[in-house]
C-alpha atoms as a PDB file:
ATOM      1  CA  MET A   1      35.855   0.207   2.818  1.00  0.00           C
ATOM      2  CA  ALA A   2      33.424   0.241   5.734  1.00  0.00           C
ATOM      3  CA  TYR A   3      31.510  -3.011   5.818  1.00  0.00           C
ATOM      4  CA  GLN A   4      27.911  -3.187   6.983  1.00  0.00           C
ATOM      5  CA  HIS A   5      28.590  -6.791   7.989  1.00  0.00           C
ATOM      6  CA  SER A   6      31.712  -5.910   9.998  1.00  0.00           C
ATOM      7  CA  ALA A   7      31.934  -9.164  11.983  1.00  0.00           C
ATOM      8  CA  GLN A   8      31.587 -11.134   8.771  1.00  0.00           C
ATOM      9  CA  SER A   9      34.260  -9.088   7.009  1.00  0.00           C
ATOM     10  CA  GLU A  10      36.732  -9.865   9.795  1.00  0.00           C
ATOM     11  CA  GLY A  11      36.779 -13.544   8.892  1.00  0.00           C
ATOM     12  CA  ALA A  12      33.634 -15.040  10.409  1.00  0.00           C
ATOM     13  CA  TRP A  13      32.089 -15.239   6.936  1.00  0.00           C
ATOM     14  CA  ASN A  14      34.781 -17.635   5.755  1.00  0.00           C
ATOM     15  CA  ASP A  15      33.911 -20.023   8.606  1.00  0.00           C
ATOM     16  CA  ARG A  16      30.399 -20.413   7.185  1.00  0.00           C
ATOM     17  CA  SER A  17      29.352 -22.901   4.537  1.00  0.00           C
ATOM     18  CA  PHE A  18      28.746 -21.865   0.953  1.00  0.00           C
ATOM     19  CA  LEU A  19      25.049 -22.695   1.411  1.00  0.00           C
ATOM     20  CA  PHE A  20      24.849 -20.443   4.477  1.00  0.00           C
ATOM     21  CA  GLN A  21      26.617 -17.639   2.608  1.00  0.00           C
ATOM     22  CA  MET A  22      24.299 -17.830  -0.391  1.00  0.00           C
ATOM     23  CA  ALA A  23      21.204 -18.087   1.813  1.00  0.00           C
ATOM     24  CA  ASN A  24      22.251 -14.878   3.569  1.00  0.00           C
ATOM     25  CA  ILE A  25      22.838 -13.114   0.273  1.00  0.00           C
ATOM     26  CA  GLY A  26      19.325 -14.250  -0.595  1.00  0.00           C
ATOM     27  CA  SER A  27      17.969 -12.687   2.592  1.00  0.00           C
ATOM     28  CA  GLU A  28      19.273  -9.296   1.507  1.00  0.00           C
ATOM     29  CA  ILE A  29      17.947  -9.834  -2.003  1.00  0.00           C
ATOM     30  CA  PHE A  30      14.503 -10.767  -0.664  1.00  0.00           C
ATOM     31  CA  ARG A  31      14.583  -7.623   1.477  1.00  0.00           C
ATOM     32  CA  ALA A  32      15.575  -5.452  -1.500  1.00  0.00           C
ATOM     33  CA  LEU A  33      12.801  -6.964  -3.615  1.00  0.00           C
ATOM     34  CA  LYS A  34      10.240  -6.535  -0.843  1.00  0.00           C
ATOM     35  CA  TRP A  35      10.966  -2.819  -0.520  1.00  0.00           C
ATOM     36  CA  GLN A  36      11.536  -2.082  -4.200  1.00  0.00           C
ATOM     37  CA  GLY A  37       8.838   0.362  -5.242  1.00  0.00           C
ATOM     38  CA  LYS A  38       7.820   0.985  -1.603  1.00  0.00           C
ATOM     39  CA  ASP A  39      10.839   2.561   0.079  1.00  0.00           C
ATOM     40  CA  LYS A  40      13.802   3.288  -2.168  1.00  0.00           C
ATOM     41  CA  GLY A  41      16.178   3.878   0.743  1.00  0.00           C
ATOM     42  CA  ILE A  42      15.513   0.553   2.436  1.00  0.00           C
ATOM     43  CA  ALA A  43      15.644  -1.276  -0.898  1.00  0.00           C
ATOM     44  CA  GLU A  44      18.958   0.315  -1.897  1.00  0.00           C
ATOM     45  CA  ARG A  45      20.579  -0.386   1.468  1.00  0.00           C
ATOM     46  CA  ALA A  46      19.577  -4.054   1.200  1.00  0.00           C
ATOM     47  CA  PHE A  47      20.881  -4.114  -2.381  1.00  0.00           C
ATOM     48  CA  PHE A  48      24.294  -2.779  -1.327  1.00  0.00           C
ATOM     49  CA  ARG A  49      24.444  -5.213   1.600  1.00  0.00           C
ATOM     50  CA  SER A  50      23.765  -8.046  -0.847  1.00  0.00           C
ATOM     51  CA  LEU A  51      26.677  -6.884  -3.020  1.00  0.00           C
ATOM     52  CA  GLU A  52      28.889  -6.781   0.047  1.00  0.00           C
ATOM     53  CA  LEU A  53      27.969 -10.375   0.887  1.00  0.00           C
ATOM     54  CA  PHE A  54      28.565 -11.430  -2.728  1.00  0.00           C
ATOM     55  CA  ASP A  55      32.045  -9.890  -2.472  1.00  0.00           C
ATOM     56  CA  LEU A  56      32.801 -11.624   0.829  1.00  0.00           C
ATOM     57  CA  THR A  57      31.615 -14.929  -0.648  1.00  0.00           C
ATOM     58  CA  ALA A  58      33.727 -14.451  -3.767  1.00  0.00           C
ATOM     59  CA  GLY A  59      36.740 -13.699  -1.566  1.00  0.00           C
ATOM     60  CA  ASP A  60      36.363 -16.914   0.440  1.00  0.00           C
ATOM     61  CA  HIS A  61      39.050 -19.320  -0.817  1.00  0.00           C
ATOM     62  CA  LYS A  62      36.892 -22.414  -0.336  1.00  0.00           C
ATOM     63  CA  ASN A  63      34.508 -21.040  -2.985  1.00  0.00           C
ATOM     64  CA  ARG A  64      37.117 -20.851  -5.772  1.00  0.00           C
ATOM     65  CA  ALA A  65      35.412 -23.598  -7.775  1.00  0.00           C
ATOM     66  CA  ARG A  66      32.146 -21.619  -7.592  1.00  0.00           C
ATOM     67  CA  LEU A  67      33.646 -18.220  -8.317  1.00  0.00           C
ATOM     68  CA  LYS A  68      32.129 -17.964 -11.809  1.00  0.00           C
ATOM     69  CA  GLU A  69      28.620 -18.656 -10.466  1.00  0.00           C
ATOM     70  CA  ILE A  70      29.050 -16.196  -7.596  1.00  0.00           C
ATOM     71  CA  LEU A  71      30.337 -13.368  -9.770  1.00  0.00           C
ATOM     72  CA  ARG A  72      27.881 -13.973 -12.601  1.00  0.00           C
ATOM     73  CA  SER A  73      25.014 -13.962 -10.087  1.00  0.00           C
ATOM     74  CA  ARG A  74      26.316 -10.710  -8.616  1.00  0.00           C
ATOM     75  CA  GLU A  75      26.553  -9.142 -12.067  1.00  0.00           C
ATOM     76  CA  ALA A  76      23.070 -10.253 -13.108  1.00  0.00           C
ATOM     77  CA  TRP A  77      21.580  -9.139  -9.764  1.00  0.00           C
ATOM     78  CA  ALA A  78      23.125  -5.668 -10.089  1.00  0.00           C
ATOM     79  CA  ASP A  79      21.877  -5.506 -13.676  1.00  0.00           C
ATOM     80  CA  PHE A  80      18.356  -6.479 -12.593  1.00  0.00           C
ATOM     81  CA  PHE A  81      18.060  -4.195  -9.591  1.00  0.00           C
ATOM     82  CA  TYR A  82      20.076  -1.130 -10.539  1.00  0.00           C
ATOM     83  CA  PHE A  83      20.701  -1.101 -14.287  1.00  0.00           C
ATOM     84  CA  ASP A  84      18.857  -2.050 -17.495  1.00  0.00           C
ATOM     85  CA  ASN A  85      18.197  -5.763 -16.854  1.00  0.00           C
ATOM     86  CA  ASP A  86      20.090  -6.785 -19.981  1.00  0.00           C
ATOM     87  CA  TYR A  87      20.006 -10.386 -18.733  1.00  0.00           C
ATOM     88  CA  ASN A  88      16.197 -10.236 -18.714  1.00  0.00           C
ATOM     89  CA  THR A  89      15.883 -11.829 -15.289  1.00  0.00           C
ATOM     90  CA  THR A  90      12.686 -11.628 -13.278  1.00  0.00           C
ATOM     91  CA  ARG A  91      11.846 -11.146  -9.656  1.00  0.00           C
ATOM     92  CA  GLU A  92      10.478 -14.681  -9.581  1.00  0.00           C
ATOM     93  CA  GLN A  93      13.770 -16.101 -10.882  1.00  0.00           C
ATOM     94  CA  TRP A  94      15.732 -14.330  -8.146  1.00  0.00           C
ATOM     95  CA  GLU A  95      13.348 -15.527  -5.472  1.00  0.00           C
ATOM     96  CA  LYS A  96      13.458 -19.121  -6.732  1.00  0.00           C
ATOM     97  CA  TYR A  97      17.252 -19.204  -7.106  1.00  0.00           C
ATOM     98  CA  PHE A  98      17.950 -17.974  -3.594  1.00  0.00           C
ATOM     99  CA  LEU A  99      15.083 -19.816  -1.935  1.00  0.00           C
ATOM    100  CA  GLU A 100      16.794 -23.044  -2.993  1.00  0.00           C
ATOM    101  CA  PHE A 101      19.899 -22.009  -1.032  1.00  0.00           C
ATOM    102  CA  ASN A 102      17.729 -21.196   1.964  1.00  0.00           C
ATOM    103  CA  TYR A 103      16.161 -24.671   1.896  1.00  0.00           C
ATOM    104  CA  ALA A 104      19.517 -26.369   1.410  1.00  0.00           C
ATOM    105  CA  ALA A 105      21.207 -24.403   4.201  1.00  0.00           C
ATOM    106  CA  ASN A 106      18.391 -25.211   6.626  1.00  0.00           C
ATOM    107  CA  ASN A 107      18.444 -28.899   5.705  1.00  0.00           C
ATOM    108  CA  ASN A 108      22.237 -29.035   5.996  1.00  0.00           C
ATOM    109  CA  LYS A 109      22.388 -28.020   9.685  1.00  0.00           C
END
């Protein structure tokens, strides 16, 4: 698999904190939401980058205790953005959830 975040896939991602990882997933999600309905190509690329970061985060051994949250979030995000939104999540919920990680990561420096 060719990673968009190639430096991160080579191990740098695992050196980052969980808060940093989730905040960066949020950045891609914010980007996908921003471009949804405006530019499908940009939105889809950001969506797939977010899935890649979810996968890297799930594969980080220090996140084992959070694996259920990571994978459930990934599933619900994919359902919201690309499928039928069976979980009935909203744009506002995604923004709020990941904004909290952004705040925490910035306050944890």
